[in-house]
PDB file of N, CA and C in Angstrom:
ATOM      1  N   MET A   1      17.881   4.956   3.141  1.00  0.00           N
ATOM      2  CA  MET A   1      17.168   5.725   2.173  1.00  0.00           C
ATOM      3  C   MET A   1      15.695   5.347   2.223  1.00  0.00           C
ATOM      4  N   ARG A   2      14.863   6.354   2.213  1.00  0.00           N
ATOM      5  CA  ARG A   2      13.414   6.138   2.114  1.00  0.00           C
ATOM      6  C   ARG A   2      12.876   7.189   1.162  1.00  0.00           C
ATOM      7  N   ARG A   3      12.096   6.742   0.174  1.00  0.00           N
ATOM      8  CA  ARG A   3      11.558   7.674  -0.805  1.00  0.00           C
ATOM      9  C   ARG A   3      10.074   7.399  -0.983  1.00  0.00           C
ATOM     10  N   SER A   4       9.272   8.428  -0.781  1.00  0.00           N
ATOM     11  CA  SER A   4       7.832   8.312  -0.961  1.00  0.00           C
ATOM     12  C   SER A   4       7.498   8.268  -2.449  1.00  0.00           C
ATOM     13  N   ILE A   5       6.576   7.386  -2.819  1.00  0.00           N
ATOM     14  CA  ILE A   5       6.145   7.250  -4.202  1.00  0.00           C
ATOM     15  C   ILE A   5       4.761   7.875  -4.398  1.00  0.00           C
ATOM     16  N   ASP A   6       3.804   7.512  -3.553  1.00  0.00           N
ATOM     17  CA  ASP A   6       2.442   8.038  -3.674  1.00  0.00           C
ATOM     18  C   ASP A   6       1.685   7.745  -2.391  1.00  0.00           C
ATOM     19  N   ASP A   7       0.653   8.538  -2.140  1.00  0.00           N
ATOM     20  CA  ASP A   7      -0.223   8.286  -0.994  1.00  0.00           C
ATOM     21  C   ASP A   7      -1.576   8.918  -1.281  1.00  0.00           C
ATOM     22  N   ALA A   8      -2.611   8.389  -0.644  1.00  0.00           N
ATOM     23  CA  ALA A   8      -3.967   8.898  -0.834  1.00  0.00           C
ATOM     24  C   ALA A   8      -4.894   8.274   0.209  1.00  0.00           C
ATOM     25  N   ARG A   9      -6.118   8.722   0.179  1.00  0.00           N
ATOM     26  CA  ARG A   9      -7.170   8.122   1.000  1.00  0.00           C
ATOM     27  C   ARG A   9      -8.010   7.210   0.132  1.00  0.00           C
ATOM     28  N   ASP A  10      -8.687   6.262   0.773  1.00  0.00           N
ATOM     29  CA  ASP A  10      -9.578   5.398   0.004  1.00  0.00           C
ATOM     30  C   ASP A  10     -10.814   6.184  -0.417  1.00  0.00           C
ATOM     31  N   ASP A  11     -11.703   5.533  -1.131  1.00  0.00           N
ATOM     32  CA  ASP A  11     -12.877   6.204  -1.686  1.00  0.00           C
ATOM     33  C   ASP A  11     -14.147   5.917  -0.889  1.00  0.00           C
ATOM     34  N   HIS A  12     -13.986   5.471   0.330  1.00  0.00           N
ATOM     35  CA  HIS A  12     -15.130   5.170   1.197  1.00  0.00           C
ATOM     36  C   HIS A  12     -15.745   6.478   1.697  1.00  0.00           C
ATOM     37  N   PRO A  13     -17.077   6.540   1.833  1.00  0.00           N
ATOM     38  CA  PRO A  13     -17.713   7.769   2.327  1.00  0.00           C
ATOM     39  C   PRO A  13     -17.212   8.148   3.728  1.00  0.00           C
ATOM     40  N   ALA A  14     -16.893   9.407   3.907  1.00  0.00           N
ATOM     41  CA  ALA A  14     -16.340   9.885   5.182  1.00  0.00           C
ATOM     42  C   ALA A  14     -17.348   9.817   6.328  1.00  0.00           C
ATOM     43  N   ASP A  15     -18.649   9.778   6.028  1.00  0.00           N
ATOM     44  CA  ASP A  15     -19.660   9.810   7.089  1.00  0.00           C
ATOM     45  C   ASP A  15     -20.111   8.417   7.552  1.00  0.00           C
ATOM     46  N   ASP A  16     -19.442   7.362   7.123  1.00  0.00           N
ATOM     47  CA  ASP A  16     -19.787   6.001   7.549  1.00  0.00           C
ATOM     48  C   ASP A  16     -19.127   5.730   8.900  1.00  0.00           C
ATOM     49  N   GLU A  17     -19.943   5.664   9.951  1.00  0.00           N
ATOM     50  CA  GLU A  17     -19.406   5.475  11.305  1.00  0.00           C
ATOM     51  C   GLU A  17     -18.980   4.032  11.570  1.00  0.00           C
ATOM     52  N   GLU A  18     -19.509   3.079  10.814  1.00  0.00           N
ATOM     53  CA  GLU A  18     -19.165   1.676  11.025  1.00  0.00           C
ATOM     54  C   GLU A  18     -17.861   1.280  10.365  1.00  0.00           C
ATOM     55  N   ARG A  19     -17.529   1.936   9.257  1.00  0.00           N
ATOM     56  CA  ARG A  19     -16.312   1.604   8.515  1.00  0.00           C
ATOM     57  C   ARG A  19     -15.539   2.881   8.250  1.00  0.00           C
ATOM     58  N   PRO A  20     -14.572   3.183   9.094  1.00  0.00           N
ATOM     59  CA  PRO A  20     -13.806   4.418   8.899  1.00  0.00           C
ATOM     60  C   PRO A  20     -12.957   4.340   7.636  1.00  0.00           C
ATOM     61  N   GLY A  21     -12.663   5.502   7.084  1.00  0.00           N
ATOM     62  CA  GLY A  21     -11.821   5.576   5.901  1.00  0.00           C
ATOM     63  C   GLY A  21     -10.390   5.153   6.205  1.00  0.00           C
ATOM     64  N   ALA A  22      -9.685   4.826   5.147  1.00  0.00           N
ATOM     65  CA  ALA A  22      -8.292   4.405   5.283  1.00  0.00           C
ATOM     66  C   ALA A  22      -7.418   5.277   4.394  1.00  0.00           C
ATOM     67  N   SER A  23      -6.174   5.382   4.780  1.00  0.00           N
ATOM     68  CA  SER A  23      -5.187   6.032   3.922  1.00  0.00           C
ATOM     69  C   SER A  23      -4.117   5.005   3.597  1.00  0.00           C
ATOM     70  N   TRP A  24      -3.493   5.185   2.441  1.00  0.00           N
ATOM     71  CA  TRP A  24      -2.432   4.279   2.027  1.00  0.00           C
ATOM     72  C   TRP A  24      -1.252   5.105   1.525  1.00  0.00           C
ATOM     73  N   ALA A  25      -0.092   4.498   1.632  1.00  0.00           N
ATOM     74  CA  ALA A  25       1.122   5.129   1.132  1.00  0.00           C
ATOM     75  C   ALA A  25       2.048   4.048   0.598  1.00  0.00           C
ATOM     76  N   VAL A  26       2.745   4.374  -0.478  1.00  0.00           N
ATOM     77  CA  VAL A  26       3.733   3.485  -1.064  1.00  0.00           C
ATOM     78  C   VAL A  26       5.064   4.220  -1.067  1.00  0.00           C
ATOM     79  N   ALA A  27       6.105   3.528  -0.637  1.00  0.00           N
ATOM     80  CA  ALA A  27       7.445   4.118  -0.583  1.00  0.00           C
ATOM     81  C   ALA A  27       8.474   3.048  -0.931  1.00  0.00           C
ATOM     82  N   LEU A  28       9.702   3.478  -1.104  1.00  0.00           N
ATOM     83  CA  LEU A  28      10.847   2.581  -1.272  1.00  0.00           C
ATOM     84  C   LEU A  28      11.749   2.748  -0.070  1.00  0.00           C
ATOM     85  N   GLU A  29      12.350   1.651   0.376  1.00  0.00           N
ATOM     86  CA  GLU A  29      13.232   1.714   1.545  1.00  0.00           C
ATOM     87  C   GLU A  29      14.334   0.676   1.422  1.00  0.00           C
ATOM     88  N   ASP A  30      15.524   1.044   1.883  1.00  0.00           N
ATOM     89  CA  ASP A  30      16.641   0.087   1.879  1.00  0.00           C
ATOM     90  C   ASP A  30      17.161  -0.171   3.287  1.00  0.00           C
ATOM     91  N   ALA A  31      16.425   0.286   4.288  1.00  0.00           N
ATOM     92  CA  ALA A  31      16.898   0.152   5.663  1.00  0.00           C
ATOM     93  C   ALA A  31      15.947  -0.676   6.517  1.00  0.00           C
ATOM     94  N   CYS A  32      15.406  -1.726   5.952  1.00  0.00           N
ATOM     95  CA  CYS A  32      14.481  -2.595   6.683  1.00  0.00           C
ATOM     96  C   CYS A  32      15.290  -3.568   7.538  1.00  0.00           C
ATOM     97  N   GLU A  33      15.253  -3.387   8.845  1.00  0.00           N
ATOM     98  CA  GLU A  33      15.940  -4.335   9.724  1.00  0.00           C
ATOM     99  C   GLU A  33      15.263  -5.696   9.583  1.00  0.00           C
ATOM    100  N   GLY A  34      16.047  -6.716   9.392  1.00  0.00           N
ATOM    101  CA  GLY A  34      15.510  -8.056   9.241  1.00  0.00           C
ATOM    102  C   GLY A  34      15.241  -8.456   7.798  1.00  0.00           C
ATOM    103  N   CYS A  35      15.222  -7.480   6.882  1.00  0.00           N
ATOM    104  CA  CYS A  35      14.978  -7.785   5.460  1.00  0.00           C
ATOM    105  C   CYS A  35      16.271  -8.098   4.728  1.00  0.00           C
ATOM    106  N   GLY A  36      17.377  -7.771   5.305  1.00  0.00           N
ATOM    107  CA  GLY A  36      18.657  -7.944   4.631  1.00  0.00           C
ATOM    108  C   GLY A  36      19.291  -6.583   4.416  1.00  0.00           C
ATOM    109  N   ASP A  37      20.536  -6.471   4.725  1.00  0.00           N
ATOM    110  CA  ASP A  37      21.235  -5.189   4.658  1.00  0.00           C
ATOM    111  C   ASP A  37      21.237  -4.628   3.242  1.00  0.00           C
ATOM    112  N   GLY A  38      20.649  -3.463   3.072  1.00  0.00           N
ATOM    113  CA  GLY A  38      20.667  -2.774   1.797  1.00  0.00           C
ATOM    114  C   GLY A  38      19.697  -3.295   0.760  1.00  0.00           C
ATOM    115  N   GLU A  39      18.896  -4.293   1.088  1.00  0.00           N
ATOM    116  CA  GLU A  39      17.926  -4.815   0.124  1.00  0.00           C
ATOM    117  C   GLU A  39      16.766  -3.832  -0.004  1.00  0.00           C
ATOM    118  N   LEU A  40      16.473  -3.436  -1.217  1.00  0.00           N
ATOM    119  CA  LEU A  40      15.365  -2.520  -1.449  1.00  0.00           C
ATOM    120  C   LEU A  40      14.034  -3.227  -1.252  1.00  0.00           C
ATOM    121  N   ARG A  41      13.109  -2.530  -0.624  1.00  0.00           N
ATOM    122  CA  ARG A  41      11.762  -3.040  -0.414  1.00  0.00           C
ATOM    123  C   ARG A  41      10.758  -1.993  -0.860  1.00  0.00           C
ATOM    124  N   VAL A  42       9.625  -2.459  -1.347  1.00  0.00           N
ATOM    125  CA  VAL A  42       8.482  -1.595  -1.571  1.00  0.00           C
ATOM    126  C   VAL A  42       7.707  -1.607  -0.254  1.00  0.00           C
ATOM    127  N   VAL A  43       7.478  -0.436   0.291  1.00  0.00           N
ATOM    128  CA  VAL A  43       6.811  -0.327   1.590  1.00  0.00           C
ATOM    129  C   VAL A  43       5.379   0.143   1.360  1.00  0.00           C
ATOM    130  N   LEU A  44       4.419  -0.657   1.823  1.00  0.00           N
ATOM    131  CA  LEU A  44       3.004  -0.324   1.726  1.00  0.00           C
ATOM    132  C   LEU A  44       2.485  -0.093   3.143  1.00  0.00           C
ATOM    133  N   THR A  45       1.931   1.085   3.373  1.00  0.00           N
ATOM    134  CA  THR A  45       1.391   1.429   4.682  1.00  0.00           C
ATOM    135  C   THR A  45      -0.106   1.659   4.556  1.00  0.00           C
ATOM    136  N   LEU A  46      -0.885   1.031   5.428  1.00  0.00           N
ATOM    137  CA  LEU A  46      -2.336   1.224   5.502  1.00  0.00           C
ATOM    138  C   LEU A  46      -2.682   1.692   6.904  1.00  0.00           C
ATOM    139  N   GLU A  47      -3.424   2.810   6.982  1.00  0.00           N
ATOM    140  CA  GLU A  47      -3.798   3.364   8.284  1.00  0.00           C
ATOM    141  C   GLU A  47      -5.239   3.863   8.237  1.00  0.00           C
ATOM    142  N   GLU A  48      -5.879   3.837   9.372  1.00  0.00           N
ATOM    143  CA  GLU A  48      -7.192   4.455   9.491  1.00  0.00           C
ATOM    144  C   GLU A  48      -6.998   5.970   9.438  1.00  0.00           C
ATOM    145  N   VAL A  49      -7.854   6.652   8.680  1.00  0.00           N
ATOM    146  CA  VAL A  49      -7.757   8.104   8.572  1.00  0.00           C
ATOM    147  C   VAL A  49      -7.881   8.717   9.963  1.00  0.00           C
ATOM    148  N   GLY A  50      -6.984   9.618  10.280  1.00  0.00           N
ATOM    149  CA  GLY A  50      -6.991  10.287  11.577  1.00  0.00           C
ATOM    150  C   GLY A  50      -6.237   9.558  12.669  1.00  0.00           C
ATOM    151  N   ARG A  51      -5.635   8.421  12.340  1.00  0.00           N
ATOM    152  CA  ARG A  51      -4.893   7.656  13.338  1.00  0.00           C
ATOM    153  C   ARG A  51      -3.496   7.322  12.809  1.00  0.00           C
ATOM    154  N   PRO A  52      -2.713   8.344  12.491  1.00  0.00           N
ATOM    155  CA  PRO A  52      -1.374   8.091  11.938  1.00  0.00           C
ATOM    156  C   PRO A  52      -0.488   7.350  12.927  1.00  0.00           C
ATOM    157  N   GLY A  53       0.340   6.487  12.410  1.00  0.00           N
ATOM    158  CA  GLY A  53       1.267   5.723  13.243  1.00  0.00           C
ATOM    159  C   GLY A  53       0.682   4.459  13.839  1.00  0.00           C
ATOM    160  N   LEU A  54      -0.596   4.194  13.592  1.00  0.00           N
ATOM    161  CA  LEU A  54      -1.249   3.021  14.181  1.00  0.00           C
ATOM    162  C   LEU A  54      -1.658   1.997  13.127  1.00  0.00           C
ATOM    163  N   GLY A  55      -1.128   2.135  11.928  1.00  0.00           N
ATOM    164  CA  GLY A  55      -1.497   1.237  10.848  1.00  0.00           C
ATOM    165  C   GLY A  55      -0.568   0.049  10.727  1.00  0.00           C
ATOM    166  N   VAL A  56      -0.650  -0.567   9.581  1.00  0.00           N
ATOM    167  CA  VAL A  56       0.154  -1.749   9.262  1.00  0.00           C
ATOM    168  C   VAL A  56       1.128  -1.370   8.160  1.00  0.00           C
ATOM    169  N   VAL A  57       2.382  -1.778   8.321  1.00  0.00           N
ATOM    170  CA  VAL A  57       3.421  -1.498   7.329  1.00  0.00           C
ATOM    171  C   VAL A  57       3.930  -2.828   6.793  1.00  0.00           C
ATOM    172  N   ALA A  58       3.857  -2.996   5.476  1.00  0.00           N
ATOM    173  CA  ALA A  58       4.349  -4.211   4.829  1.00  0.00           C
ATOM    174  C   ALA A  58       5.604  -3.867   4.038  1.00  0.00           C
ATOM    175  N   HIS A  59       6.668  -4.640   4.239  1.00  0.00           N
ATOM    176  CA  HIS A  59       7.913  -4.491   3.483  1.00  0.00           C
ATOM    177  C   HIS A  59       7.929  -5.591   2.425  1.00  0.00           C
ATOM    178  N   LEU A  60       7.663  -5.214   1.177  1.00  0.00           N
ATOM    179  CA  LEU A  60       7.465  -6.190   0.112  1.00  0.00           C
ATOM    180  C   LEU A  60       8.710  -6.328  -0.757  1.00  0.00           C
ATOM    181  N   ALA A  61       9.169  -7.559  -0.913  1.00  0.00           N
ATOM    182  CA  ALA A  61      10.230  -7.846  -1.870  1.00  0.00           C
ATOM    183  C   ALA A  61       9.652  -7.630  -3.271  1.00  0.00           C
ATOM    184  N   PRO A  62      10.494  -7.448  -4.284  1.00  0.00           N
ATOM    185  CA  PRO A  62       9.979  -7.206  -5.636  1.00  0.00           C
ATOM    186  C   PRO A  62       8.964  -8.249  -6.108  1.00  0.00           C
ATOM    187  N   ASP A  63       9.201  -9.528  -5.874  1.00  0.00           N
ATOM    188  CA  ASP A  63       8.248 -10.562  -6.302  1.00  0.00           C
ATOM    189  C   ASP A  63       6.899 -10.411  -5.610  1.00  0.00           C
ATOM    190  N   THR A  64       6.916 -10.059  -4.338  1.00  0.00           N
ATOM    191  CA  THR A  64       5.665  -9.886  -3.591  1.00  0.00           C
ATOM    192  C   THR A  64       4.929  -8.634  -4.058  1.00  0.00           C
ATOM    193  N   ALA A  65       5.656  -7.570  -4.358  1.00  0.00           N
ATOM    194  CA  ALA A  65       5.037  -6.355  -4.890  1.00  0.00           C
ATOM    195  C   ALA A  65       4.377  -6.643  -6.239  1.00  0.00           C
ATOM    196  N   ARG A  66       5.032  -7.441  -7.079  1.00  0.00           N
ATOM    197  CA  ARG A  66       4.435  -7.812  -8.363  1.00  0.00           C
ATOM    198  C   ARG A  66       3.181  -8.659  -8.158  1.00  0.00           C
ATOM    199  N   ARG A  67       3.193  -9.542  -7.168  1.00  0.00           N
ATOM    200  CA  ARG A  67       2.007 -10.360  -6.879  1.00  0.00           C
ATOM    201  C   ARG A  67       0.838  -9.477  -6.446  1.00  0.00           C
ATOM    202  N   LEU A  68       1.107  -8.467  -5.617  1.00  0.00           N
ATOM    203  CA  LEU A  68       0.068  -7.527  -5.201  1.00  0.00           C
ATOM    204  C   LEU A  68      -0.452  -6.753  -6.409  1.00  0.00           C
ATOM    205  N   ARG A  69       0.456  -6.298  -7.274  1.00  0.00           N
ATOM    206  CA  ARG A  69       0.053  -5.581  -8.488  1.00  0.00           C
ATOM    207  C   ARG A  69      -0.858  -6.465  -9.343  1.00  0.00           C
ATOM    208  N   ALA A  70      -0.520  -7.742  -9.504  1.00  0.00           N
ATOM    209  CA  ALA A  70      -1.330  -8.667 -10.297  1.00  0.00           C
ATOM    210  C   ALA A  70      -2.708  -8.880  -9.657  1.00  0.00           C
ATOM    211  N   ALA A  71      -2.755  -8.957  -8.347  1.00  0.00           N
ATOM    212  CA  ALA A  71      -4.038  -9.142  -7.653  1.00  0.00           C
ATOM    213  C   ALA A  71      -4.936  -7.920  -7.845  1.00  0.00           C
ATOM    214  N   LEU A  72      -4.373  -6.723  -7.772  1.00  0.00           N
ATOM    215  CA  LEU A  72      -5.158  -5.512  -8.000  1.00  0.00           C
ATOM    216  C   LEU A  72      -5.647  -5.452  -9.447  1.00  0.00           C
ATOM    217  N   ALA A  73      -4.793  -5.837 -10.398  1.00  0.00           N
ATOM    218  CA  ALA A  73      -5.190  -5.863 -11.806  1.00  0.00           C
ATOM    219  C   ALA A  73      -6.321  -6.859 -12.030  1.00  0.00           C
ATOM    220  N   ALA A  74      -6.249  -8.026 -11.402  1.00  0.00           N
ATOM    221  CA  ALA A  74      -7.296  -9.036 -11.531  1.00  0.00           C
ATOM    222  C   ALA A  74      -8.616  -8.536 -10.943  1.00  0.00           C
ATOM    223  N   ALA A  75      -8.547  -7.845  -9.820  1.00  0.00           N
ATOM    224  CA  ALA A  75      -9.759  -7.304  -9.196  1.00  0.00           C
ATOM    225  C   ALA A  75     -10.395  -6.249 -10.092  1.00  0.00           C
ATOM    226  N   LEU A  76      -9.579  -5.384 -10.690  1.00  0.00           N
ATOM    227  CA  LEU A  76     -10.114  -4.384 -11.618  1.00  0.00           C
ATOM    228  C   LEU A  76     -10.787  -5.048 -12.810  1.00  0.00           C
ATOM    229  N   LYS A  77     -10.165  -6.093 -13.342  1.00  0.00           N
ATOM    230  CA  LYS A  77     -10.732  -6.819 -14.479  1.00  0.00           C
ATOM    231  C   LYS A  77     -12.076  -7.430 -14.096  1.00  0.00           C
ATOM    232  N   GLU A  78     -12.179  -7.969 -12.887  1.00  0.00           N
ATOM    233  CA  GLU A  78     -13.426  -8.590 -12.406  1.00  0.00           C
ATOM    234  C   GLU A  78     -14.585  -7.599 -12.372  1.00  0.00           C
ATOM    235  N   ILE A  79     -14.295  -6.319 -12.133  1.00  0.00           N
ATOM    236  CA  ILE A  79     -15.368  -5.323 -12.072  1.00  0.00           C
ATOM    237  C   ILE A  79     -15.514  -4.566 -13.392  1.00  0.00           C
ATOM    238  N   GLY A  80     -14.852  -5.072 -14.440  1.00  0.00           N
ATOM    239  CA  GLY A  80     -15.004  -4.499 -15.758  1.00  0.00           C
ATOM    240  C   GLY A  80     -14.185  -3.259 -16.038  1.00  0.00           C
ATOM    241  N   GLU A  81     -13.152  -3.038 -15.260  1.00  0.00           N
ATOM    242  CA  GLU A  81     -12.282  -1.874 -15.435  1.00  0.00           C
ATOM    243  C   GLU A  81     -10.965  -2.285 -16.040  1.00  0.00           C
ATOM    244  N   PRO A  82     -10.328  -1.409 -16.830  1.00  0.00           N
ATOM    245  CA  PRO A  82      -9.005  -1.747 -17.362  1.00  0.00           C
ATOM    246  C   PRO A  82      -7.975  -1.799 -16.239  1.00  0.00           C
ATOM    247  N   ALA A  83      -7.032  -2.709 -16.368  1.00  0.00           N
ATOM    248  CA  ALA A  83      -6.015  -2.880 -15.329  1.00  0.00           C
ATOM    249  C   ALA A  83      -4.964  -1.780 -15.337  1.00  0.00           C
ATOM    250  N   GLY A  84      -4.888  -1.014 -16.410  1.00  0.00           N
ATOM    251  CA  GLY A  84      -3.909   0.069 -16.499  1.00  0.00           C
ATOM    252  C   GLY A  84      -2.652  -0.387 -17.193  1.00  0.00           C
ATOM    253  N   PRO A  85      -1.638   0.463 -17.141  1.00  0.00           N
ATOM    254  CA  PRO A  85      -0.393   0.145 -17.867  1.00  0.00           C
ATOM    255  C   PRO A  85       0.351  -1.044 -17.292  1.00  0.00           C
TER     256      PRO A  85
END
């Protein structure tokens, strides 16, 4: 089973030739070879815009996904933004 949750592009200017834009996607998956049979993972994919299939895919256990969520919340707080729900 694989279920897409959300995906988008980053907010970097498209005309920056030195730093290409990135796209991200979050999904759920239970068929991660090597993760354990049937164990659900949060899948985070990061790719350069226009180069599908050449990015990095992270299979995150629930604790690791929560750690990433906490890091993003801390970064938002550092720039004076609410962390969200």
